Amino acid sequence: MTNFKRHSHYFITNDNVKLHYIEQGCGQPIVLLPSWSLNTEIYTYQIQQLSKKYRVIALDMRGHGQSQKVDYGYKVYRLAKDLYECLEHLNLQDATLLGHAVGASIILCYWELFGKKHINKLILLDRAVTPILNPTWSKDDILAFGPTANTTTVMQLSHQITHSGGKQYQKILLNCMLSKNITHDDKQRILDCSSNIPDIGAAQLFYDNYHQDWRNTIKHISLPTLVIAGRGSPISLSSQVWLSQQIEQAKLVVFEVKEGGKHFPFIENPIKFNQVVDTFMQC
């Protein structure tokens, strides 16, 4: 694991939680948000390279990484408020927000709650607009919205995480989220970045994230937006195409399977991923 200790900082939220973030580099700010159960070092390749040109901030969600472990606040809307308070704390203006999966959900919630305040661009990576299946949807709806589970499955998995912990579930997920050609070191990096988030908090956030529906929210986004998808991801490519079509100023970039185009292209193909982000930042 990379040692970011000298770049680590903390602030206290309005509900008295100590949150950790990494800050490195100078220039236009870009804020990185990890997904469920992952910590900031999941973005090591981005922090190391993008910080040569930009001011890179990576935020550990409450209960994740080096942020304080608490027994409350594991809701997407609260994490969006935490993000807002981080941007306020740093007095950031015109920041680009980059979120992976749950991190992207936090960004969409941020937009709904706070609009353009502190931000000027969005990068959404592998996020289904409505992750939970509605049995009344048509086949076309399913292709567009990208659900990955039904209500019963989400309930069962939430129960399993609460009582058995999230580690076992994380390892099962990796089998469908990583390319066959991923290096041992990169696979181990993902495992190492799995946070020791409290089991109840992990289950609450897992459940809450699955029950978010951003179909109406995305139609009102008025900022330049980059949607990054993987052709081999569990999140259907058709849903990412649909998502990008709903946002007026959106651009879609697809990573092919041979390019690491599953759920973690920023780890499996960091050179291309960083180039894509850099190009978007300069637009």
C-alpha atoms as a PDB file:
ATOM      1  CA  MET A   1       0.000   0.000   0.000  1.00  0.00           C
ATOM      2  CA  THR A   2       1.163   3.535  -0.759  1.00  0.00           C
ATOM      3  CA  ASN A   3       2.013   5.733   2.203  1.00  0.00           C
ATOM      4  CA  PHE A   4      -0.063   8.925   1.946  1.00  0.00           C
ATOM      5  CA  LYS A   5       0.425   9.802   5.616  1.00  0.00           C
ATOM      6  CA  ARG A   6       1.991  13.201   4.993  1.00  0.00           C
ATOM      7  CA  HIS A   7      -0.911  14.069   2.675  1.00  0.00           C
ATOM      8  CA  SER A   8      -3.607  13.019   5.154  1.00  0.00           C
ATOM      9  CA  HIS A   9      -5.923  15.553   6.775  1.00  0.00           C
ATOM     10  CA  TYR A  10      -9.107  15.549   8.845  1.00  0.00           C
ATOM     11  CA  PHE A  11     -12.168  17.675   9.527  1.00  0.00           C
ATOM     12  CA  ILE A  12     -15.224  17.321  11.767  1.00  0.00           C
ATOM     13  CA  THR A  13     -18.752  17.158  10.331  1.00  0.00           C
ATOM     14  CA  ASN A  14     -21.727  18.969  11.831  1.00  0.00           C
ATOM     15  CA  ASP A  15     -22.851  15.689  13.430  1.00  0.00           C
ATOM     16  CA  ASN A  16     -19.462  15.263  15.080  1.00  0.00           C
ATOM     17  CA  VAL A  17     -17.746  12.693  12.860  1.00  0.00           C
ATOM     18  CA  LYS A  18     -14.019  12.955  12.096  1.00  0.00           C
ATOM     19  CA  LEU A  19     -13.505  12.402   8.372  1.00  0.00           C
ATOM     20  CA  HIS A  20     -10.207  11.689   6.646  1.00  0.00           C
ATOM     21  CA  TYR A  21      -9.116  12.907   3.251  1.00  0.00           C
ATOM     22  CA  ILE A  22      -5.946  12.840   1.170  1.00  0.00           C
ATOM     23  CA  GLU A  23      -4.866  16.036  -0.560  1.00  0.00           C
ATOM     24  CA  GLN A  24      -1.992  16.194  -3.019  1.00  0.00           C
ATOM     25  CA  GLY A  25      -0.966  18.491  -5.852  1.00  0.00           C
ATOM     26  CA  CYS A  26      -1.913  21.974  -7.027  1.00  0.00           C
ATOM     27  CA  GLY A  27      -4.198  23.386  -9.669  1.00  0.00           C
ATOM     28  CA  GLN A  28      -7.804  22.763 -10.590  1.00  0.00           C
ATOM     29  CA  PRO A  29      -9.403  20.626  -7.845  1.00  0.00           C
ATOM     30  CA  ILE A  30     -10.719  17.136  -8.464  1.00  0.00           C
ATOM     31  CA  VAL A  31     -12.423  15.232  -5.643  1.00  0.00           C
ATOM     32  CA  LEU A  32     -12.397  11.419  -5.708  1.00  0.00           C
ATOM     33  CA  LEU A  33     -15.122   9.385  -3.979  1.00  0.00           C
ATOM     34  CA  PRO A  34     -14.627   5.622  -3.522  1.00  0.00           C
ATOM     35  CA  SER A  35     -17.440   3.111  -3.669  1.00  0.00           C
ATOM     36  CA  TRP A  36     -19.036   1.014  -0.939  1.00  0.00           C
ATOM     37  CA  SER A  37     -16.590  -0.467   1.590  1.00  0.00           C
ATOM     38  CA  LEU A  38     -13.502   0.938  -0.179  1.00  0.00           C
ATOM     39  CA  ASN A  39     -11.060   3.544   1.093  1.00  0.00           C
ATOM     40  CA  THR A  40      -9.203   6.402  -0.565  1.00  0.00           C
ATOM     41  CA  GLU A  41      -6.122   4.344  -1.467  1.00  0.00           C
ATOM     42  CA  ILE A  42      -8.210   2.587  -4.099  1.00  0.00           C
ATOM     43  CA  TYR A  43      -7.366   5.714  -6.127  1.00  0.00           C
ATOM     44  CA  THR A  44      -3.593   5.423  -5.660  1.00  0.00           C
ATOM     45  CA  TYR A  45      -2.907   5.453  -9.419  1.00  0.00           C
ATOM     46  CA  GLN A  46      -5.043   8.577  -9.846  1.00  0.00           C
ATOM     47  CA  ILE A  47      -3.607  10.438  -6.850  1.00  0.00           C
ATOM     48  CA  GLN A  48      -0.046   9.741  -7.938  1.00  0.00           C
ATOM     49  CA  GLN A  49      -0.480  10.790 -11.569  1.00  0.00           C
ATOM     50  CA  LEU A  50      -3.256  13.386 -11.628  1.00  0.00           C
ATOM     51  CA  SER A  51      -1.706  15.303  -8.706  1.00  0.00           C
ATOM     52  CA  LYS A  52       1.190  16.221 -11.001  1.00  0.00           C
ATOM     53  CA  LYS A  53      -1.235  18.554 -12.755  1.00  0.00           C
ATOM     54  CA  TYR A  54      -4.259  18.977 -10.459  1.00  0.00           C
ATOM     55  CA  ARG A  55      -5.157  19.436  -6.818  1.00  0.00           C
ATOM     56  CA  VAL A  56      -6.434  15.950  -6.008  1.00  0.00           C
ATOM     57  CA  ILE A  57      -8.570  15.278  -2.922  1.00  0.00           C
ATOM     58  CA  ALA A  58      -9.777  11.770  -2.027  1.00  0.00           C
ATOM     59  CA  LEU A  59     -12.385  11.492   0.733  1.00  0.00           C
ATOM     60  CA  ASP A  60     -12.924   8.520   3.036  1.00  0.00           C
ATOM     61  CA  MET A  61     -16.634   8.171   3.750  1.00  0.00           C
ATOM     62  CA  ARG A  62     -17.631   7.897   7.403  1.00  0.00           C
ATOM     63  CA  GLY A  63     -16.785   4.456   8.706  1.00  0.00           C
ATOM     64  CA  HIS A  64     -14.409   3.857   5.788  1.00  0.00           C
ATOM     65  CA  GLY A  65     -10.624   3.932   5.716  1.00  0.00           C
ATOM     66  CA  GLN A  66      -9.190   6.321   8.266  1.00  0.00           C
ATOM     67  CA  SER A  67     -12.467   8.134   8.892  1.00  0.00           C
ATOM     68  CA  GLN A  68     -14.138   7.681  12.258  1.00  0.00           C
ATOM     69  CA  LYS A  69     -16.150   4.508  12.827  1.00  0.00           C
ATOM     70  CA  VAL A  70     -19.603   5.539  14.048  1.00  0.00           C
ATOM     71  CA  ASP A  71     -22.963   3.796  14.301  1.00  0.00           C
ATOM     72  CA  TYR A  72     -25.007   6.404  12.420  1.00  0.00           C
ATOM     73  CA  GLY A  73     -25.224   8.289   9.153  1.00  0.00           C
ATOM     74  CA  TYR A  74     -24.746   5.450   6.638  1.00  0.00           C
ATOM     75  CA  LYS A  75     -27.197   6.936   4.164  1.00  0.00           C
ATOM     76  CA  VAL A  76     -26.446   8.341   0.726  1.00  0.00           C
ATOM     77  CA  TYR A  77     -27.972  11.715   1.597  1.00  0.00           C
ATOM     78  CA  ARG A  78     -25.792  12.002   4.736  1.00  0.00           C
ATOM     79  CA  LEU A  79     -22.670  11.114   2.756  1.00  0.00           C
ATOM     80  CA  ALA A  80     -23.616  13.835   0.254  1.00  0.00           C
ATOM     81  CA  LYS A  81     -23.825  16.264   3.170  1.00  0.00           C
ATOM     82  CA  ASP A  82     -20.401  15.074   4.347  1.00  0.00           C
ATOM     83  CA  LEU A  83     -19.047  15.795   0.865  1.00  0.00           C
ATOM     84  CA  TYR A  84     -20.581  19.270   0.944  1.00  0.00           C
ATOM     85  CA  GLU A  85     -18.960  19.954   4.312  1.00  0.00           C
ATOM     86  CA  CYS A  86     -15.603  18.762   2.978  1.00  0.00           C
ATOM     87  CA  LEU A  87     -15.824  21.179   0.047  1.00  0.00           C
ATOM     88  CA  GLU A  88     -16.813  23.947   2.457  1.00  0.00           C
ATOM     89  CA  HIS A  89     -13.931  23.064   4.774  1.00  0.00           C
ATOM     90  CA  LEU A  90     -11.462  23.280   1.887  1.00  0.00           C
ATOM     91  CA  ASN A  91     -13.175  26.364   0.436  1.00  0.00           C
ATOM     92  CA  LEU A  92     -13.170  24.714  -2.985  1.00  0.00           C
ATOM     93  CA  GLN A  93     -14.654  26.440  -6.006  1.00  0.00           C
ATOM     94  CA  ASP A  94     -15.248  24.901  -9.423  1.00  0.00           C
ATOM     95  CA  ALA A  95     -14.252  21.400  -8.313  1.00  0.00           C
ATOM     96  CA  THR A  96     -14.713  18.321 -10.460  1.00  0.00           C
ATOM     97  CA  LEU A  97     -16.374  15.429  -8.610  1.00  0.00           C
ATOM     98  CA  LEU A  98     -15.429  11.868  -9.589  1.00  0.00           C
ATOM     99  CA  GLY A  99     -17.372   9.002  -8.032  1.00  0.00           C
ATOM    100  CA  HIS A 100     -17.224   5.239  -8.511  1.00  0.00           C
ATOM    101  CA  ALA A 101     -20.535   3.329  -8.137  1.00  0.00           C
ATOM    102  CA  VAL A 102     -21.767   4.366  -4.661  1.00  0.00           C
ATOM    103  CA  GLY A 103     -19.460   7.368  -4.963  1.00  0.00           C
ATOM    104  CA  ALA A 104     -21.348   8.352  -8.116  1.00  0.00           C
ATOM    105  CA  SER A 105     -24.631   7.972  -6.232  1.00  0.00           C
ATOM    106  CA  ILE A 106     -23.317  10.406  -3.622  1.00  0.00           C
ATOM    107  CA  ILE A 107     -22.537  12.871  -6.425  1.00  0.00           C
ATOM    108  CA  LEU A 108     -26.057  12.606  -7.839  1.00  0.00           C
ATOM    109  CA  CYS A 109     -27.472  13.199  -4.369  1.00  0.00           C
ATOM    110  CA  TYR A 110     -25.122  16.162  -3.929  1.00  0.00           C
ATOM    111  CA  TRP A 111     -26.486  17.659  -7.148  1.00  0.00           C
ATOM    112  CA  GLU A 112     -30.057  17.189  -5.975  1.00  0.00           C
ATOM    113  CA  LEU A 113     -29.346  18.823  -2.600  1.00  0.00           C
ATOM    114  CA  PHE A 114     -26.800  21.532  -3.414  1.00  0.00           C
ATOM    115  CA  GLY A 115     -26.775  22.024  -7.173  1.00  0.00           C
ATOM    116  CA  LYS A 116     -23.713  23.777  -8.612  1.00  0.00           C
ATOM    117  CA  LYS A 117     -22.323  25.039  -5.327  1.00  0.00           C
ATOM    118  CA  HIS A 118     -18.541  24.441  -5.228  1.00  0.00           C
ATOM    119  CA  ILE A 119     -18.548  22.291  -8.398  1.00  0.00           C
ATOM    120  CA  ASN A 120     -18.386  22.675 -12.163  1.00  0.00           C
ATOM    121  CA  LYS A 121     -17.976  19.148 -13.610  1.00  0.00           C
ATOM    122  CA  LEU A 122     -19.059  15.594 -12.807  1.00  0.00           C
ATOM    123  CA  ILE A 123     -17.498  12.205 -13.575  1.00  0.00           C
ATOM    124  CA  LEU A 124     -19.777   9.208 -13.008  1.00  0.00           C
ATOM    125  CA  LEU A 125     -18.163   5.786 -13.105  1.00  0.00           C
ATOM    126  CA  ASP A 126     -20.218   2.595 -13.437  1.00  0.00           C
ATOM    127  CA  ARG A 127     -23.390   3.682 -11.662  1.00  0.00           C
ATOM    128  CA  ALA A 128     -26.852   2.277 -12.408  1.00  0.00           C
ATOM    129  CA  VAL A 129     -29.543   4.943 -12.235  1.00  0.00           C
ATOM    130  CA  THR A 130     -31.895   2.541 -10.413  1.00  0.00           C
ATOM    131  CA  PRO A 131     -29.993  -0.477  -9.050  1.00  0.00           C
ATOM    132  CA  ILE A 132     -33.052  -2.362  -7.793  1.00  0.00           C
ATOM    133  CA  LEU A 133     -35.445  -4.127 -10.169  1.00  0.00           C
ATOM    134  CA  ASN A 134     -39.062  -3.065 -10.433  1.00  0.00           C
ATOM    135  CA  PRO A 135     -41.059  -6.136 -11.574  1.00  0.00           C
ATOM    136  CA  THR A 136     -43.414  -3.933 -13.619  1.00  0.00           C
ATOM    137  CA  TRP A 137     -40.649  -2.666 -15.906  1.00  0.00           C
ATOM    138  CA  SER A 138     -40.521  -3.641 -19.554  1.00  0.00           C
ATOM    139  CA  LYS A 139     -37.423  -5.169 -21.162  1.00  0.00           C
ATOM    140  CA  ASP A 140     -36.558  -1.749 -22.585  1.00  0.00           C
ATOM    141  CA  ASP A 141     -36.852  -0.190 -19.116  1.00  0.00           C
ATOM    142  CA  ILE A 142     -34.495  -2.788 -17.670  1.00  0.00           C
ATOM    143  CA  LEU A 143     -31.948  -2.143 -20.418  1.00  0.00           C
ATOM    144  CA  ALA A 144     -32.139   1.597 -19.762  1.00  0.00           C
ATOM    145  CA  PHE A 145     -32.179   1.659 -15.969  1.00  0.00           C
ATOM    146  CA  GLY A 146     -29.607  -1.083 -15.304  1.00  0.00           C
ATOM    147  CA  PRO A 147     -30.924  -2.883 -12.207  1.00  0.00           C
ATOM    148  CA  THR A 148     -28.652  -5.590 -10.802  1.00  0.00           C
ATOM    149  CA  ALA A 149     -30.818  -7.136  -8.058  1.00  0.00           C
ATOM    150  CA  ASN A 150     -34.391  -7.501  -6.861  1.00  0.00           C
ATOM    151  CA  THR A 151     -35.798  -6.484  -3.498  1.00  0.00           C
ATOM    152  CA  THR A 152     -35.557  -9.966  -1.982  1.00  0.00           C
ATOM    153  CA  THR A 153     -31.903 -10.375  -2.951  1.00  0.00           C
ATOM    154  CA  VAL A 154     -30.976  -6.985  -1.514  1.00  0.00           C
ATOM    155  CA  MET A 155     -32.736  -7.803   1.749  1.00  0.00           C
ATOM    156  CA  GLN A 156     -30.955 -11.153   1.983  1.00  0.00           C
ATOM    157  CA  LEU A 157     -27.543  -9.661   1.257  1.00  0.00           C
ATOM    158  CA  SER A 158     -28.083  -6.839   3.742  1.00  0.00           C
ATOM    159  CA  HIS A 159     -28.923  -9.441   6.400  1.00  0.00           C
ATOM    160  CA  GLN A 160     -25.842 -11.465   5.480  1.00  0.00           C
ATOM    161  CA  ILE A 161     -23.564  -8.428   5.709  1.00  0.00           C
ATOM    162  CA  THR A 162     -25.047  -7.451   9.077  1.00  0.00           C
ATOM    163  CA  HIS A 163     -24.529 -10.859  10.625  1.00  0.00           C
ATOM    164  CA  SER A 164     -21.578 -12.290   8.706  1.00  0.00           C
ATOM    165  CA  GLY A 165     -19.653  -9.166   7.708  1.00  0.00           C
ATOM    166  CA  GLY A 166     -18.972  -7.727   4.280  1.00  0.00           C
ATOM    167  CA  LYS A 167     -15.610  -9.353   3.583  1.00  0.00           C
ATOM    168  CA  GLN A 168     -17.030 -12.615   2.232  1.00  0.00           C
ATOM    169  CA  TYR A 169     -19.500 -10.769   0.027  1.00  0.00           C
ATOM    170  CA  GLN A 170     -16.719  -8.511  -1.309  1.00  0.00           C
ATOM    171  CA  LYS A 171     -14.669 -11.531  -2.407  1.00  0.00           C
ATOM    172  CA  ILE A 172     -17.675 -13.031  -4.194  1.00  0.00           C
ATOM    173  CA  LEU A 173     -18.336  -9.747  -5.984  1.00  0.00           C
ATOM    174  CA  LEU A 174     -14.754  -9.534  -7.224  1.00  0.00           C
ATOM    175  CA  ASN A 175     -15.245 -12.640  -9.349  1.00  0.00           C
ATOM    176  CA  CYS A 176     -17.687 -10.789 -11.614  1.00  0.00           C
ATOM    177  CA  MET A 177     -16.214  -7.307 -11.293  1.00  0.00           C
ATOM    178  CA  LEU A 178     -12.624  -7.950 -12.381  1.00  0.00           C
ATOM    179  CA  SER A 179     -11.122  -8.974 -15.695  1.00  0.00           C
ATOM    180  CA  LYS A 180      -9.510 -12.371 -16.003  1.00  0.00           C
ATOM    181  CA  ASN A 181      -6.240 -10.679 -16.932  1.00  0.00           C
ATOM    182  CA  ILE A 182      -5.987  -8.439 -13.883  1.00  0.00           C
ATOM    183  CA  THR A 183      -2.614  -8.699 -12.192  1.00  0.00           C
ATOM    184  CA  HIS A 184      -2.265 -10.332  -8.813  1.00  0.00           C
ATOM    185  CA  ASP A 185      -0.947  -7.072  -7.359  1.00  0.00           C
ATOM    186  CA  ASP A 186      -3.919  -5.045  -8.594  1.00  0.00           C
ATOM    187  CA  LYS A 187      -6.401  -7.616  -7.302  1.00  0.00           C
ATOM    188  CA  GLN A 188      -4.646  -7.579  -3.954  1.00  0.00           C
ATOM    189  CA  ARG A 189      -4.779  -3.765  -3.962  1.00  0.00           C
ATOM    190  CA  ILE A 190      -8.561  -3.887  -4.155  1.00  0.00           C
ATOM    191  CA  LEU A 191      -8.724  -6.396  -1.310  1.00  0.00           C
ATOM    192  CA  ASP A 192      -6.321  -4.293   0.764  1.00  0.00           C
ATOM    193  CA  CYS A 193      -8.452  -1.199   0.178  1.00  0.00           C
ATOM    194  CA  SER A 194     -11.570  -2.881   1.538  1.00  0.00           C
ATOM    195  CA  SER A 195     -12.377  -0.902   4.647  1.00  0.00           C
ATOM    196  CA  ASN A 196     -13.063  -2.223   8.091  1.00  0.00           C
ATOM    197  CA  ILE A 197     -16.413  -0.452   8.051  1.00  0.00           C
ATOM    198  CA  PRO A 198     -18.720  -1.602  10.873  1.00  0.00           C
ATOM    199  CA  ASP A 199     -20.927  -4.459   9.643  1.00  0.00           C
ATOM    200  CA  ILE A 200     -24.185  -2.729  10.514  1.00  0.00           C
ATOM    201  CA  GLY A 201     -23.040   0.453   8.772  1.00  0.00           C
ATOM    202  CA  ALA A 202     -21.947  -1.542   5.709  1.00  0.00           C
ATOM    203  CA  ALA A 203     -25.345  -3.238   5.540  1.00  0.00           C
ATOM    204  CA  GLN A 204     -27.243   0.034   6.004  1.00  0.00           C
ATOM    205  CA  LEU A 205     -25.307   1.774   3.236  1.00  0.00           C
ATOM    206  CA  PHE A 206     -25.599  -1.244   0.939  1.00  0.00           C
ATOM    207  CA  TYR A 207     -29.380  -1.301   1.407  1.00  0.00           C
ATOM    208  CA  ASP A 208     -29.810   2.460   1.125  1.00  0.00           C
ATOM    209  CA  ASN A 209     -27.714   2.706  -2.023  1.00  0.00           C
ATOM    210  CA  TYR A 210     -29.716   0.017  -3.761  1.00  0.00           C
ATOM    211  CA  HIS A 211     -32.969   1.856  -3.099  1.00  0.00           C
ATOM    212  CA  GLN A 212     -31.930   5.121  -4.741  1.00  0.00           C
ATOM    213  CA  ASP A 213     -33.650   6.202  -7.955  1.00  0.00           C
ATOM    214  CA  TRP A 214     -31.951   9.036  -9.847  1.00  0.00           C
ATOM    215  CA  ARG A 215     -34.029   8.976 -13.060  1.00  0.00           C
ATOM    216  CA  ASN A 216     -35.577  12.372 -12.431  1.00  0.00           C
ATOM    217  CA  THR A 217     -32.418  13.916 -10.946  1.00  0.00           C
ATOM    218  CA  ILE A 218     -30.151  13.292 -13.921  1.00  0.00           C
ATOM    219  CA  LYS A 219     -32.473  15.126 -16.320  1.00  0.00           C
ATOM    220  CA  HIS A 220     -31.783  18.377 -14.449  1.00  0.00           C
ATOM    221  CA  ILE A 221     -27.982  18.165 -14.400  1.00  0.00           C
ATOM    222  CA  SER A 222     -26.639  21.226 -16.207  1.00  0.00           C
ATOM    223  CA  LEU A 223     -22.905  20.660 -15.771  1.00  0.00           C
ATOM    224  CA  PRO A 224     -20.465  19.001 -18.169  1.00  0.00           C
ATOM    225  CA  THR A 225     -20.558  15.334 -17.221  1.00  0.00           C
ATOM    226  CA  LEU A 226     -18.363  12.390 -18.140  1.00  0.00           C
ATOM    227  CA  VAL A 227     -19.894   8.913 -17.901  1.00  0.00           C
ATOM    228  CA  ILE A 228     -17.304   6.114 -17.837  1.00  0.00           C
ATOM    229  CA  ALA A 229     -18.460   2.551 -18.471  1.00  0.00           C
ATOM    230  CA  GLY A 230     -16.978  -0.900 -18.975  1.00  0.00           C
ATOM    231  CA  ARG A 231     -18.361  -3.152 -21.681  1.00  0.00           C
ATOM    232  CA  GLY A 232     -17.878  -6.167 -19.404  1.00  0.00           C
ATOM    233  CA  SER A 233     -19.170  -4.557 -16.210  1.00  0.00           C
ATOM    234  CA  PRO A 234     -22.075  -6.007 -14.202  1.00  0.00           C
ATOM    235  CA  ILE A 235     -23.650  -2.569 -14.752  1.00  0.00           C
ATOM    236  CA  SER A 236     -25.072  -2.944 -18.253  1.00  0.00           C
ATOM    237  CA  LEU A 237     -23.566  -0.808 -20.982  1.00  0.00           C
ATOM    238  CA  SER A 238     -27.075  -0.033 -22.250  1.00  0.00           C
ATOM    239  CA  SER A 239     -27.842   1.662 -18.926  1.00  0.00           C
ATOM    240  CA  GLN A 240     -24.732   3.808 -19.192  1.00  0.00           C
ATOM    241  CA  VAL A 241     -25.644   4.833 -22.726  1.00  0.00           C
ATOM    242  CA  TRP A 242     -29.130   5.782 -21.506  1.00  0.00           C
ATOM    243  CA  LEU A 243     -27.692   7.673 -18.528  1.00  0.00           C
ATOM    244  CA  SER A 244     -25.414   9.733 -20.744  1.00  0.00           C
ATOM    245  CA  GLN A 245     -28.320  10.531 -23.073  1.00  0.00           C
ATOM    246  CA  GLN A 246     -30.376  12.022 -20.240  1.00  0.00           C
ATOM    247  CA  ILE A 247     -27.744  14.623 -19.328  1.00  0.00           C
ATOM    248  CA  GLU A 248     -27.530  17.490 -21.783  1.00  0.00           C
ATOM    249  CA  GLN A 249     -23.772  18.039 -21.584  1.00  0.00           C
ATOM    250  CA  ALA A 250     -22.722  14.417 -21.043  1.00  0.00           C
ATOM    251  CA  LYS A 251     -20.040  12.449 -22.827  1.00  0.00           C
ATOM    252  CA  LEU A 252     -19.695   8.657 -22.657  1.00  0.00           C
ATOM    253  CA  VAL A 253     -16.385   6.794 -22.690  1.00  0.00           C
ATOM    254  CA  VAL A 254     -16.448   2.990 -22.855  1.00  0.00           C
ATOM    255  CA  PHE A 255     -13.574   0.739 -21.816  1.00  0.00           C
ATOM    256  CA  GLU A 256     -13.542  -2.496 -23.791  1.00  0.00           C
ATOM    257  CA  VAL A 257     -13.087  -5.759 -21.883  1.00  0.00           C
ATOM    258  CA  LYS A 258      -9.517  -6.121 -23.157  1.00  0.00           C
ATOM    259  CA  GLU A 259      -8.853  -2.608 -21.806  1.00  0.00           C
ATOM    260  CA  GLY A 260      -9.889  -3.552 -18.278  1.00  0.00           C
ATOM    261  CA  GLY A 261     -13.494  -2.643 -18.984  1.00  0.00           C
ATOM    262  CA  LYS A 262     -15.180  -4.272 -16.010  1.00  0.00           C
ATOM    263  CA  HIS A 263     -15.963  -2.470 -12.719  1.00  0.00           C
ATOM    264  CA  PHE A 264     -12.480  -1.103 -11.918  1.00  0.00           C
ATOM    265  CA  PRO A 265     -10.985   0.426 -15.100  1.00  0.00           C
ATOM    266  CA  PHE A 266      -9.164   3.030 -13.001  1.00  0.00           C
ATOM    267  CA  ILE A 267      -7.108   0.178 -11.493  1.00  0.00           C
ATOM    268  CA  GLU A 268      -6.947  -2.241 -14.414  1.00  0.00           C
ATOM    269  CA  ASN A 269      -6.038   0.440 -16.967  1.00  0.00           C
ATOM    270  CA  PRO A 270      -4.941   3.541 -15.053  1.00  0.00           C
ATOM    271  CA  ILE A 271      -2.965   5.035 -17.941  1.00  0.00           C
ATOM    272  CA  LYS A 272      -5.985   5.277 -20.234  1.00  0.00           C
ATOM    273  CA  PHE A 273      -8.303   6.173 -17.358  1.00  0.00           C
ATOM    274  CA  ASN A 274      -6.119   9.069 -16.247  1.00  0.00           C
ATOM    275  CA  GLN A 275      -5.788  10.279 -19.827  1.00  0.00           C
ATOM    276  CA  VAL A 276      -9.588  10.245 -20.223  1.00  0.00           C
ATOM    277  CA  VAL A 277     -10.006  12.235 -17.005  1.00  0.00           C
ATOM    278  CA  ASP A 278      -7.260  14.688 -17.969  1.00  0.00           C
ATOM    279  CA  THR A 279      -8.851  15.315 -21.372  1.00  0.00           C
ATOM    280  CA  PHE A 280     -12.227  15.953 -19.757  1.00  0.00           C
ATOM    281  CA  MET A 281     -10.707  18.303 -17.191  1.00  0.00           C
ATOM    282  CA  GLN A 282      -9.256  20.421 -19.986  1.00  0.00           C
ATOM    283  CA  CYS A 283     -12.505  20.721 -21.953  1.00  0.00           C
END
